[in-house]
C-alpha atoms as a PDB file:
ATOM      1  CA  MET A   1       0.000   0.000   0.000  1.00  0.00           C
ATOM      2  CA  ALA A   2       1.372   3.415  -0.945  1.00  0.00           C
ATOM      3  CA  ASP A   3       2.016   5.610   2.077  1.00  0.00           C
ATOM      4  CA  TYR A   4       0.732   9.036   1.109  1.00  0.00           C
ATOM      5  CA  ASP A   5       2.173  10.489   4.286  1.00  0.00           C
ATOM      6  CA  THR A   6       5.469   9.846   2.461  1.00  0.00           C
ATOM      7  CA  ILE A   7       4.677  10.337  -1.229  1.00  0.00           C
ATOM      8  CA  GLY A   8       2.009  13.023  -0.886  1.00  0.00           C
ATOM      9  CA  VAL A   9       4.443  15.935  -1.048  1.00  0.00           C
ATOM     10  CA  ASP A  10       3.149  18.545  -3.547  1.00  0.00           C
ATOM     11  CA  TYR A  11       0.421  16.125  -4.619  1.00  0.00           C
ATOM     12  CA  ALA A  12      -2.202  18.851  -4.952  1.00  0.00           C
ATOM     13  CA  ASN A  13      -0.097  20.655  -7.557  1.00  0.00           C
ATOM     14  CA  LEU A  14       0.816  17.533  -9.515  1.00  0.00           C
ATOM     15  CA  ARG A  15      -2.687  16.059  -9.598  1.00  0.00           C
ATOM     16  CA  LYS A  16      -5.005  18.835 -10.731  1.00  0.00           C
ATOM     17  CA  PRO A  17      -8.402  17.607 -11.945  1.00  0.00           C
ATOM     18  CA  ASP A  18      -8.884  17.514 -15.698  1.00  0.00           C
ATOM     19  CA  PRO A  19     -12.210  18.918 -16.986  1.00  0.00           C
ATOM     20  CA  GLY A  20     -12.649  16.141 -19.544  1.00  0.00           C
ATOM     21  CA  ILE A  21     -12.321  13.503 -16.845  1.00  0.00           C
ATOM     22  CA  ALA A  22     -14.439  15.417 -14.338  1.00  0.00           C
ATOM     23  CA  GLU A  23     -17.385  15.614 -16.743  1.00  0.00           C
ATOM     24  CA  PRO A  24     -18.327  11.902 -16.776  1.00  0.00           C
ATOM     25  CA  ILE A  25     -17.735  11.652 -13.032  1.00  0.00           C
ATOM     26  CA  PHE A  26     -20.142  14.496 -12.302  1.00  0.00           C
ATOM     27  CA  ALA A  27     -22.669  13.129 -14.792  1.00  0.00           C
ATOM     28  CA  ALA A  28     -22.587   9.734 -13.062  1.00  0.00           C
ATOM     29  CA  LEU A  29     -23.375  11.366  -9.715  1.00  0.00           C
ATOM     30  CA  GLY A  30     -26.715  12.381 -11.209  1.00  0.00           C
ATOM     31  CA  ASP A  31     -28.791  14.787  -9.132  1.00  0.00           C
ATOM     32  CA  ALA A  32     -27.255  13.709  -5.815  1.00  0.00           C
ATOM     33  CA  ARG A  33     -27.005  16.526  -3.301  1.00  0.00           C
ATOM     34  CA  SER A  34     -24.979  14.761  -0.601  1.00  0.00           C
ATOM     35  CA  VAL A  35     -21.803  13.021  -1.804  1.00  0.00           C
ATOM     36  CA  LEU A  36     -19.206  10.977   0.054  1.00  0.00           C
ATOM     37  CA  ASN A  37     -15.673  11.021  -1.401  1.00  0.00           C
ATOM     38  CA  VAL A  38     -13.639   8.026  -0.222  1.00  0.00           C
ATOM     39  CA  GLY A  39      -9.863   8.151  -0.492  1.00  0.00           C
ATOM     40  CA  ALA A  40     -10.386  11.817  -1.185  1.00  0.00           C
ATOM     41  CA  GLY A  41      -6.782  12.953  -1.118  1.00  0.00           C
ATOM     42  CA  ALA A  42      -6.386  16.665  -1.738  1.00  0.00           C
ATOM     43  CA  GLY A  43      -9.923  16.947  -3.098  1.00  0.00           C
ATOM     44  CA  SER A  44      -9.570  16.348  -6.831  1.00  0.00           C
ATOM     45  CA  TYR A  45     -12.879  15.936  -8.662  1.00  0.00           C
ATOM     46  CA  GLU A  46     -15.020  16.877  -5.696  1.00  0.00           C
ATOM     47  CA  PRO A  47     -18.078  18.719  -7.068  1.00  0.00           C
ATOM     48  CA  LEU A  48     -18.297  22.263  -5.753  1.00  0.00           C
ATOM     49  CA  ASP A  49     -22.071  22.547  -6.071  1.00  0.00           C
ATOM     50  CA  ARG A  50     -22.962  19.680  -3.714  1.00  0.00           C
ATOM     51  CA  ASP A  51     -22.660  18.798  -0.051  1.00  0.00           C
ATOM     52  CA  VAL A  52     -19.465  16.725   0.018  1.00  0.00           C
ATOM     53  CA  THR A  53     -17.964  14.779   2.913  1.00  0.00           C
ATOM     54  CA  ALA A  54     -14.421  13.464   2.422  1.00  0.00           C
ATOM     55  CA  VAL A  55     -12.712  10.438   3.974  1.00  0.00           C
ATOM     56  CA  GLU A  56      -8.925  10.177   3.620  1.00  0.00           C
ATOM     57  CA  PRO A  57      -6.379   8.084   5.602  1.00  0.00           C
ATOM     58  CA  SER A  58      -3.359  10.366   5.132  1.00  0.00           C
ATOM     59  CA  ALA A  59      -2.983  13.434   7.331  1.00  0.00           C
ATOM     60  CA  LYS A  60      -0.513  14.905   4.856  1.00  0.00           C
ATOM     61  CA  MET A  61      -3.067  14.683   2.066  1.00  0.00           C
ATOM     62  CA  ILE A  62      -5.761  16.250   4.226  1.00  0.00           C
ATOM     63  CA  ARG A  63      -3.460  19.192   4.960  1.00  0.00           C
ATOM     64  CA  GLN A  64      -3.126  19.817   1.212  1.00  0.00           C
ATOM     65  CA  ARG A  65      -6.849  20.298   0.740  1.00  0.00           C
ATOM     66  CA  PRO A  66      -7.403  23.907  -0.359  1.00  0.00           C
ATOM     67  CA  PRO A  67      -9.227  26.431   1.797  1.00  0.00           C
ATOM     68  CA  GLY A  68     -12.974  26.027   1.495  1.00  0.00           C
ATOM     69  CA  SER A  69     -12.769  22.315   0.682  1.00  0.00           C
ATOM     70  CA  ALA A  70     -15.320  19.881   1.996  1.00  0.00           C
ATOM     71  CA  PRO A  71     -14.742  18.676   5.565  1.00  0.00           C
ATOM     72  CA  ALA A  72     -12.406  15.678   5.702  1.00  0.00           C
ATOM     73  CA  ILE A  73     -12.424  12.806   8.168  1.00  0.00           C
ATOM     74  CA  GLN A  74      -9.215  10.815   8.604  1.00  0.00           C
ATOM     75  CA  GLY A  75     -10.044   7.170   7.986  1.00  0.00           C
ATOM     76  CA  GLY A  76     -10.214   4.342   5.479  1.00  0.00           C
ATOM     77  CA  ALA A  77     -12.824   2.882   3.169  1.00  0.00           C
ATOM     78  CA  GLU A  78     -13.071  -0.354   5.102  1.00  0.00           C
ATOM     79  CA  ALA A  79     -14.818   1.186   8.136  1.00  0.00           C
ATOM     80  CA  LEU A  80     -16.885   4.218   7.146  1.00  0.00           C
ATOM     81  CA  PRO A  81     -18.301   6.001  10.221  1.00  0.00           C
ATOM     82  CA  PHE A  82     -21.761   6.670   8.784  1.00  0.00           C
ATOM     83  CA  PRO A  83     -25.188   5.031   9.083  1.00  0.00           C
ATOM     84  CA  ASP A  84     -26.772   3.009   6.281  1.00  0.00           C
ATOM     85  CA  LYS A  85     -27.992   4.935   3.220  1.00  0.00           C
ATOM     86  CA  HIS A  86     -26.646   8.207   4.599  1.00  0.00           C
ATOM     87  CA  PHE A  87     -25.491   9.764   1.288  1.00  0.00           C
ATOM     88  CA  ASP A  88     -27.228  10.317  -2.031  1.00  0.00           C
ATOM     89  CA  ALA A  89     -24.069   9.210  -3.873  1.00  0.00           C
ATOM     90  CA  SER A  90     -20.473   8.280  -3.206  1.00  0.00           C
ATOM     91  CA  MET A  91     -17.286   8.429  -5.243  1.00  0.00           C
ATOM     92  CA  ALA A  92     -13.748   7.036  -5.143  1.00  0.00           C
ATOM     93  CA  ILE A  93     -11.245   8.376  -7.652  1.00  0.00           C
ATOM     94  CA  LEU A  94      -8.095   6.392  -8.517  1.00  0.00           C
ATOM     95  CA  THR A  95      -7.805   5.121  -4.959  1.00  0.00           C
ATOM     96  CA  ILE A  96      -9.018   1.517  -4.685  1.00  0.00           C
ATOM     97  CA  HIS A  97      -5.585   0.053  -5.459  1.00  0.00           C
ATOM     98  CA  HIS A  98      -4.372   1.520  -2.153  1.00  0.00           C
ATOM     99  CA  TRP A  99      -7.087  -0.101  -0.032  1.00  0.00           C
ATOM    100  CA  THR A 100      -6.180  -2.998   2.239  1.00  0.00           C
ATOM    101  CA  GLU A 101      -9.533  -4.792   1.819  1.00  0.00           C
ATOM    102  CA  LYS A 102     -11.071  -3.793  -1.498  1.00  0.00           C
ATOM    103  CA  ALA A 103     -14.242  -5.881  -1.288  1.00  0.00           C
ATOM    104  CA  LYS A 104     -14.954  -4.638   2.228  1.00  0.00           C
ATOM    105  CA  GLY A 105     -14.344  -1.020   1.227  1.00  0.00           C
ATOM    106  CA  LEU A 106     -16.746  -1.232  -1.703  1.00  0.00           C
ATOM    107  CA  ALA A 107     -19.338  -2.980   0.450  1.00  0.00           C
ATOM    108  CA  GLU A 108     -19.033  -0.123   2.933  1.00  0.00           C
ATOM    109  CA  MET A 109     -19.534   2.458   0.176  1.00  0.00           C
ATOM    110  CA  ARG A 110     -22.593   0.587  -1.049  1.00  0.00           C
ATOM    111  CA  ARG A 111     -23.919   0.366   2.522  1.00  0.00           C
ATOM    112  CA  VAL A 112     -23.785   4.103   3.239  1.00  0.00           C
ATOM    113  CA  THR A 113     -25.076   5.197  -0.192  1.00  0.00           C
ATOM    114  CA  ARG A 114     -28.670   5.441  -1.379  1.00  0.00           C
ATOM    115  CA  GLY A 115     -27.870   6.072  -5.025  1.00  0.00           C
ATOM    116  CA  PRO A 116     -24.870   5.739  -7.345  1.00  0.00           C
ATOM    117  CA  VAL A 117     -21.422   4.628  -6.255  1.00  0.00           C
ATOM    118  CA  VAL A 118     -19.001   6.124  -8.788  1.00  0.00           C
ATOM    119  CA  LEU A 119     -15.460   4.785  -9.171  1.00  0.00           C
ATOM    120  CA  LEU A 120     -12.655   5.934 -11.429  1.00  0.00           C
ATOM    121  CA  THR A 121     -10.282   3.002 -11.685  1.00  0.00           C
ATOM    122  CA  PHE A 122      -7.973   1.125 -14.054  1.00  0.00           C
ATOM    123  CA  ASP A 123      -8.504  -2.102 -15.979  1.00  0.00           C
ATOM    124  CA  PRO A 124      -5.420  -4.272 -15.324  1.00  0.00           C
ATOM    125  CA  ALA A 125      -6.178  -6.305 -18.458  1.00  0.00           C
ATOM    126  CA  HIS A 126      -5.679  -3.237 -20.668  1.00  0.00           C
ATOM    127  CA  ARG A 127      -2.448  -2.915 -22.652  1.00  0.00           C
ATOM    128  CA  GLY A 128      -2.756   0.516 -24.163  1.00  0.00           C
ATOM    129  CA  CYS A 129       0.223   2.656 -23.171  1.00  0.00           C
ATOM    130  CA  TRP A 130       3.740   2.452 -24.554  1.00  0.00           C
ATOM    131  CA  LEU A 131       5.207   3.111 -21.084  1.00  0.00           C
ATOM    132  CA  THR A 132       4.794  -0.565 -20.198  1.00  0.00           C
ATOM    133  CA  ASP A 133       7.130  -1.462 -23.084  1.00  0.00           C
ATOM    134  CA  TYR A 134       9.864   0.248 -21.075  1.00  0.00           C
ATOM    135  CA  LEU A 135       8.560  -0.796 -17.673  1.00  0.00           C
ATOM    136  CA  PRO A 136       6.762  -4.159 -17.855  1.00  0.00           C
ATOM    137  CA  GLU A 137       6.906  -4.124 -14.071  1.00  0.00           C
ATOM    138  CA  LEU A 138       3.932  -1.756 -14.249  1.00  0.00           C
ATOM    139  CA  VAL A 139       1.809  -4.530 -15.765  1.00  0.00           C
ATOM    140  CA  THR A 140       2.745  -6.918 -12.965  1.00  0.00           C
ATOM    141  CA  LEU A 141       2.074  -4.220 -10.389  1.00  0.00           C
ATOM    142  CA  ASP A 142      -1.398  -3.432 -11.736  1.00  0.00           C
ATOM    143  CA  GLU A 143      -2.316  -7.085 -12.037  1.00  0.00           C
ATOM    144  CA  GLY A 144      -1.509  -7.434  -8.358  1.00  0.00           C
ATOM    145  CA  GLN A 145      -3.152  -4.304  -6.991  1.00  0.00           C
ATOM    146  CA  MET A 146      -6.081  -3.513  -9.296  1.00  0.00           C
ATOM    147  CA  PRO A 147      -9.391  -5.401  -9.178  1.00  0.00           C
ATOM    148  CA  VAL A 148     -10.400  -6.967 -12.474  1.00  0.00           C
ATOM    149  CA  MET A 149     -13.546  -5.508 -13.985  1.00  0.00           C
ATOM    150  CA  GLU A 150     -15.626  -8.555 -13.018  1.00  0.00           C
ATOM    151  CA  ASP A 151     -14.883  -7.948  -9.329  1.00  0.00           C
ATOM    152  CA  TYR A 152     -17.007  -4.813  -9.148  1.00  0.00           C
ATOM    153  CA  ALA A 153     -20.283  -6.568  -9.981  1.00  0.00           C
ATOM    154  CA  ARG A 154     -19.318  -9.451  -7.699  1.00  0.00           C
ATOM    155  CA  TRP A 155     -18.779  -7.065  -4.794  1.00  0.00           C
ATOM    156  CA  MET A 156     -21.513  -4.467  -5.399  1.00  0.00           C
ATOM    157  CA  GLY A 157     -24.115  -5.960  -7.712  1.00  0.00           C
ATOM    158  CA  PRO A 158     -24.911  -4.688 -11.224  1.00  0.00           C
ATOM    159  CA  VAL A 159     -22.555  -2.037 -12.555  1.00  0.00           C
ATOM    160  CA  SER A 160     -21.984  -0.091 -15.742  1.00  0.00           C
ATOM    161  CA  ILE A 161     -18.414   0.230 -16.997  1.00  0.00           C
ATOM    162  CA  SER A 162     -17.244   2.786 -19.556  1.00  0.00           C
ATOM    163  CA  GLN A 163     -13.955   4.001 -20.990  1.00  0.00           C
ATOM    164  CA  VAL A 164     -12.500   7.265 -19.742  1.00  0.00           C
ATOM    165  CA  LEU A 165     -10.422   8.686 -22.566  1.00  0.00           C
ATOM    166  CA  VAL A 166      -7.342  10.635 -21.492  1.00  0.00           C
ATOM    167  CA  PRO A 167      -6.710  13.957 -23.291  1.00  0.00           C
ATOM    168  CA  HIS A 168      -3.239  14.613 -24.655  1.00  0.00           C
ATOM    169  CA  ASP A 169      -2.827  17.641 -22.380  1.00  0.00           C
ATOM    170  CA  CYS A 170      -4.371  16.062 -19.279  1.00  0.00           C
ATOM    171  CA  SER A 171      -3.852  18.281 -16.219  1.00  0.00           C
ATOM    172  CA  ASP A 172      -4.113  15.369 -13.786  1.00  0.00           C
ATOM    173  CA  GLY A 173      -0.692  13.767 -13.531  1.00  0.00           C
ATOM    174  CA  PHE A 174      -1.669  10.142 -12.962  1.00  0.00           C
ATOM    175  CA  LEU A 175       0.472   7.343 -14.355  1.00  0.00           C
ATOM    176  CA  TYR A 176      -0.624   7.262 -18.004  1.00  0.00           C
ATOM    177  CA  ALA A 177      -1.643  10.926 -18.289  1.00  0.00           C
ATOM    178  CA  TYR A 178       1.508  11.768 -20.254  1.00  0.00           C
ATOM    179  CA  TRP A 179       1.006   9.303 -23.113  1.00  0.00           C
ATOM    180  CA  ARG A 180       1.698  12.090 -25.676  1.00  0.00           C
ATOM    181  CA  ARG A 181       4.321  13.866 -23.551  1.00  0.00           C
ATOM    182  CA  PRO A 182       6.984  11.199 -23.069  1.00  0.00           C
ATOM    183  CA  ARG A 183       9.659  13.534 -21.743  1.00  0.00           C
ATOM    184  CA  ALA A 184       7.487  14.178 -18.691  1.00  0.00           C
ATOM    185  CA  TYR A 185       8.378  10.723 -17.360  1.00  0.00           C
ATOM    186  CA  LEU A 186      11.999  11.818 -17.153  1.00  0.00           C
ATOM    187  CA  ASP A 187      11.091  14.546 -14.651  1.00  0.00           C
ATOM    188  CA  PRO A 188      11.425  13.240 -11.070  1.00  0.00           C
ATOM    189  CA  ARG A 189       9.042  15.910  -9.781  1.00  0.00           C
ATOM    190  CA  ILE A 190       6.280  14.642 -12.077  1.00  0.00           C
ATOM    191  CA  ARG A 191       6.984  11.013 -11.181  1.00  0.00           C
ATOM    192  CA  GLN A 192       6.653  11.956  -7.522  1.00  0.00           C
ATOM    193  CA  GLY A 193       2.878  12.207  -7.956  1.00  0.00           C
ATOM    194  CA  MET A 194       2.605   8.678  -9.395  1.00  0.00           C
ATOM    195  CA  SER A 195       2.396   6.025  -6.700  1.00  0.00           C
ATOM    196  CA  SER A 196       3.444   3.276  -9.122  1.00  0.00           C
ATOM    197  CA  PHE A 197       6.960   4.677  -9.358  1.00  0.00           C
ATOM    198  CA  TRP A 198       7.273   4.324  -5.593  1.00  0.00           C
ATOM    199  CA  LYS A 199       6.385   0.636  -5.788  1.00  0.00           C
ATOM    200  CA  ILE A 200       8.639  -0.701  -8.533  1.00  0.00           C
ATOM    201  CA  GLU A 201      12.373  -1.206  -8.652  1.00  0.00           C
ATOM    202  CA  GLY A 202      14.741  -0.734 -11.549  1.00  0.00           C
ATOM    203  CA  ALA A 203      12.980   2.240 -13.085  1.00  0.00           C
ATOM    204  CA  ASP A 204      16.199   4.215 -13.530  1.00  0.00           C
ATOM    205  CA  ALA A 205      17.564   1.942 -16.249  1.00  0.00           C
ATOM    206  CA  ALA A 206      14.256   1.961 -18.128  1.00  0.00           C
ATOM    207  CA  LEU A 207      14.063   5.747 -17.941  1.00  0.00           C
ATOM    208  CA  GLU A 208      17.612   6.030 -19.241  1.00  0.00           C
ATOM    209  CA  ARG A 209      16.576   3.891 -22.203  1.00  0.00           C
ATOM    210  CA  LEU A 210      13.564   6.134 -22.764  1.00  0.00           C
ATOM    211  CA  ALA A 211      15.796   9.210 -22.694  1.00  0.00           C
ATOM    212  CA  ASP A 212      18.146   7.618 -25.223  1.00  0.00           C
ATOM    213  CA  ASP A 213      15.236   6.670 -27.515  1.00  0.00           C
ATOM    214  CA  LEU A 214      13.827  10.185 -27.371  1.00  0.00           C
ATOM    215  CA  GLU A 215      17.227  11.611 -28.246  1.00  0.00           C
ATOM    216  CA  SER A 216      17.875   9.189 -31.109  1.00  0.00           C
ATOM    217  CA  GLY A 217      14.378   9.346 -32.570  1.00  0.00           C
ATOM    218  CA  ALA A 218      13.665   5.667 -31.849  1.00  0.00           C
ATOM    219  CA  TRP A 219      10.663   6.549 -29.683  1.00  0.00           C
ATOM    220  CA  GLU A 220       9.157   8.721 -32.408  1.00  0.00           C
ATOM    221  CA  ALA A 221       9.740   6.055 -35.033  1.00  0.00           C
ATOM    222  CA  LYS A 222       7.787   3.512 -33.001  1.00  0.00           C
ATOM    223  CA  TYR A 223       5.126   5.641 -31.311  1.00  0.00           C
ATOM    224  CA  GLY A 224       5.028   8.831 -33.357  1.00  0.00           C
ATOM    225  CA  ASP A 225       1.492   8.145 -34.626  1.00  0.00           C
ATOM    226  CA  LEU A 226       0.246   9.021 -31.148  1.00  0.00           C
ATOM    227  CA  MET A 227       1.171  12.654 -31.793  1.00  0.00           C
ATOM    228  CA  GLY A 228      -1.807  12.924 -34.121  1.00  0.00           C
ATOM    229  CA  LEU A 229      -4.323  11.866 -31.468  1.00  0.00           C
ATOM    230  CA  ASP A 230      -6.180  14.160 -29.096  1.00  0.00           C
ATOM    231  CA  VAL A 231      -7.398  11.440 -26.709  1.00  0.00           C
ATOM    232  CA  LEU A 232      -6.415   7.847 -26.001  1.00  0.00           C
ATOM    233  CA  ASP A 233      -7.839   4.893 -24.102  1.00  0.00           C
ATOM    234  CA  THR A 234      -5.023   4.086 -21.689  1.00  0.00           C
ATOM    235  CA  GLY A 235      -7.098   1.733 -19.529  1.00  0.00           C
ATOM    236  CA  TYR A 236      -8.998   4.017 -17.171  1.00  0.00           C
ATOM    237  CA  ARG A 237     -12.600   3.046 -16.501  1.00  0.00           C
ATOM    238  CA  LEU A 238     -15.643   4.610 -14.866  1.00  0.00           C
ATOM    239  CA  VAL A 239     -17.514   2.007 -12.835  1.00  0.00           C
ATOM    240  CA  VAL A 240     -20.974   2.976 -11.597  1.00  0.00           C
ATOM    241  CA  SER A 241     -23.113   0.928  -9.213  1.00  0.00           C
ATOM    242  CA  VAL A 242     -26.712   2.034  -8.717  1.00  0.00           C
ATOM    243  CA  SER A 243     -28.621   0.677  -5.745  1.00  0.00           C
END
């Protein structure tokens, strides 16, 4: 489990919500007025026009929440301190891979929510970003920490699952956000906001190879067609459970 009390330095600046990703999240929340955000971090993607309550285990992340943010309770998904059906909707954005007990956490979200449970997550079966050609360890990591898509229905009942396309200029610096900006992965400050780089070993050699390929033109020769795309499916999925 990533320790955001360690890796959460400057997280709020590195992980700014992207409007194109926020749109389907907000649409999935429907007309909910009260919203629970689990694994809320610094508050990315929290709707400003609703009554939001945040739950976040890391004190460092809570301290990075901007002034005026929704109130945050320090705690985890596995034991939510709320009565049954307390919220109109709940959300969890790129966080489930950090949970100790994923099934229990989702069951808790379903328990305290009357309406939709909205999750932004990653499909570990997807092979859609060139970065894994340099770092196949990322595939192994995701296969170990990410639920497969079938798990969500098994744990919460019927769900809808849809692609979340990542724009080429995505402002949210998650792992595959820089699919059209390969030099960004060479910047240690940018990598600091990606928990995966804290969990794998041997990244330095792979990044040196990436730097060499960018310099020689080998990267462009192999992946240059991506430069003509505005959005790409890099494996992110919106999972919505409706009670």
